[in-house]
Protein backbone atom coordinates (compact mmCIF):
# COMPACT_ATOMS: atom_id res chain seq x y z
CA LEU A 1 20.12 -24.64 0.44
CA SER A 2 22.51 -21.25 0.72
CA PHE A 3 21.35 -17.86 0.10
CA PRO A 4 22.89 -18.07 -3.73
CA GLN A 5 21.48 -21.39 -4.24
CA LYS A 6 17.95 -20.02 -3.42
CA LEU A 7 18.51 -16.82 -5.55
CA TRP A 8 19.53 -18.82 -8.49
CA GLN A 9 16.52 -21.00 -8.17
CA LEU A 10 14.32 -17.79 -8.03
CA VAL A 11 16.02 -16.09 -10.79
CA ASP A 12 16.08 -19.01 -13.21
CA SER A 13 12.31 -19.85 -12.43
CA ASP A 14 9.52 -18.78 -14.69
CA GLU A 15 7.33 -18.54 -11.60
CA PHE A 16 8.81 -15.23 -10.41
CA LYS A 17 8.16 -11.97 -12.65
CA THR A 18 9.79 -9.40 -10.33
CA ILE A 19 13.31 -11.00 -10.50
CA TRP A 20 15.03 -11.79 -13.70
CA TRP A 21 18.53 -12.40 -15.45
CA GLY A 22 19.64 -9.35 -17.00
CA HIS A 23 22.28 -8.43 -19.60
CA CYS A 24 22.83 -11.83 -20.97
CA GLY A 25 22.64 -13.71 -17.74
CA ASN A 26 25.57 -11.58 -16.14
CA CYS A 27 23.52 -9.80 -13.49
CA VAL A 28 20.35 -9.92 -11.56
CA VAL A 29 17.55 -7.60 -12.11
CA ILE A 30 15.02 -6.81 -9.32
CA ASP A 31 11.72 -4.69 -9.44
CA GLU A 32 12.42 -3.77 -5.80
CA GLU A 33 8.60 -2.79 -4.97
CA MET A 34 6.77 -5.82 -6.39
CA PHE A 35 9.68 -8.04 -5.22
CA LYS A 36 8.94 -7.06 -1.66
CA VAL A 37 5.37 -8.52 -2.28
CA GLU A 38 5.73 -11.22 -4.47
CA VAL A 39 8.85 -12.90 -2.85
CA LEU A 40 9.73 -11.39 0.64
CA GLY A 41 5.88 -11.00 1.40
CA ARG A 42 5.33 -14.92 1.31
CA LYS A 43 4.24 -16.77 4.40
CA ARG A 44 5.66 -20.28 5.36
CA PRO A 45 5.51 -22.85 3.98
CA LEU A 46 6.11 -20.86 0.81
CA ARG A 47 8.60 -18.39 1.95
CA VAL A 48 11.93 -18.28 0.10
CA PHE A 49 14.21 -16.44 2.28
CA GLU A 50 14.29 -16.07 6.08
CA THR A 51 13.39 -12.15 5.80
CA GLU A 52 10.43 -10.17 4.94
CA SER A 53 12.83 -7.18 4.95
CA MET A 54 14.14 -5.78 1.57
CA LYS A 55 17.17 -4.18 3.42
CA SER A 56 18.18 -7.68 5.06
CA PHE A 57 17.83 -9.06 1.50
CA VAL A 58 20.15 -6.54 0.03
CA ARG A 59 22.45 -7.05 3.36
CA GLN A 60 22.71 -10.74 2.30
CA LEU A 61 23.50 -10.04 -1.54
CA ASN A 62 26.26 -7.60 -0.22
CA LEU A 63 27.71 -10.36 2.24
CA TYR A 64 27.82 -12.80 -0.92
CA GLY A 65 29.89 -10.39 -2.92
CA PHE A 66 27.21 -8.94 -5.13
CA THR A 67 27.62 -5.37 -5.92
CA LYS A 68 24.88 -3.04 -7.11
CA MET A 69 25.29 -1.60 -10.65
CA LYS A 70 24.32 1.68 -12.31
CA ARG A 71 20.77 1.76 -13.77
CA HIS A 72 22.47 2.46 -17.46
CA PHE A 73 23.49 -1.29 -18.03
CA GLN A 74 23.46 -2.61 -21.36
CA ARG A 75 20.26 -3.66 -22.60
CA SER A 76 19.63 -7.71 -22.90
CA ALA A 77 20.11 -9.18 -26.34
CA SER A 78 17.29 -11.90 -26.24
CA LEU A 79 13.72 -10.51 -26.77
CA PRO A 80 12.04 -11.99 -23.59
CA GLU A 81 14.74 -10.19 -21.30
CA PHE A 82 14.56 -7.00 -23.48
CA LEU A 83 10.55 -6.86 -23.17
CA ALA A 84 10.71 -7.41 -19.69
CA GLU A 85 13.26 -4.59 -19.11
CA GLU A 86 11.36 -2.29 -21.31
CA ASP A 87 8.06 -3.03 -19.49
CA ALA A 88 9.91 -2.40 -15.95
CA PHE A 89 11.41 0.90 -17.67
CA SER A 90 8.17 2.17 -19.11
CA ALA A 91 6.49 1.79 -15.89
CA HIS A 92 9.02 3.71 -14.17
CA ARG A 93 9.57 1.01 -11.62
CA LYS A 94 12.62 1.03 -9.28
CA LEU A 95 14.73 -1.60 -10.65
CA LEU A 96 18.08 -2.80 -8.82
CA VAL A 97 20.66 -4.51 -10.64
CA TYR A 98 23.20 -6.87 -9.05
CA TYR A 99 26.72 -8.34 -10.13
CA ASN A 100 28.54 -11.22 -9.05
CA PRO A 101 31.12 -12.90 -11.29
CA ASN A 102 30.29 -16.14 -9.69
CA PHE A 103 26.65 -15.66 -10.34
CA ARG A 104 25.79 -16.32 -14.14
CA ARG A 105 22.90 -17.79 -15.89
CA ASP A 106 24.71 -20.45 -17.98
CA TYR A 107 27.43 -21.35 -15.15
CA PRO A 108 25.72 -23.09 -12.17
CA HIS A 109 29.09 -24.73 -11.24
CA LEU A 110 30.27 -21.08 -10.30
CA LEU A 111 27.63 -20.96 -7.39
CA GLU A 112 30.50 -22.81 -5.24
CA ASN A 113 32.35 -20.02 -5.21
CA CYS A 114 29.75 -17.77 -3.77
CA LYS A 115 31.04 -17.44 -0.43
CA ARG A 116 29.78 -15.58 2.72
CA ARG A 117 32.23 -12.75 3.47
């Protein structure tokens, strides 16, 4: 699978608690410190991405056209998303929010437009 396909599966899965859809499925929210442990810290054969480095992961996001959004993004409309965001903000976690117009929750067919630059 390509990087965007792996990322899609990760975000869309209920298995991972450190990455989720934000703002009605238009962006990806990552709890940076816990993501390093839960996802990037996995060993083979459970490893999701080839890297253990957050810096390399962010570089991949950038190569596939994701842009970092400011933290004052609009709150999610759905209750589970809103509660997850509230928990994260109240714990003063470092949340990273990334946007790509071709990476949207209800539009998996757009993934084919996520090309490496």
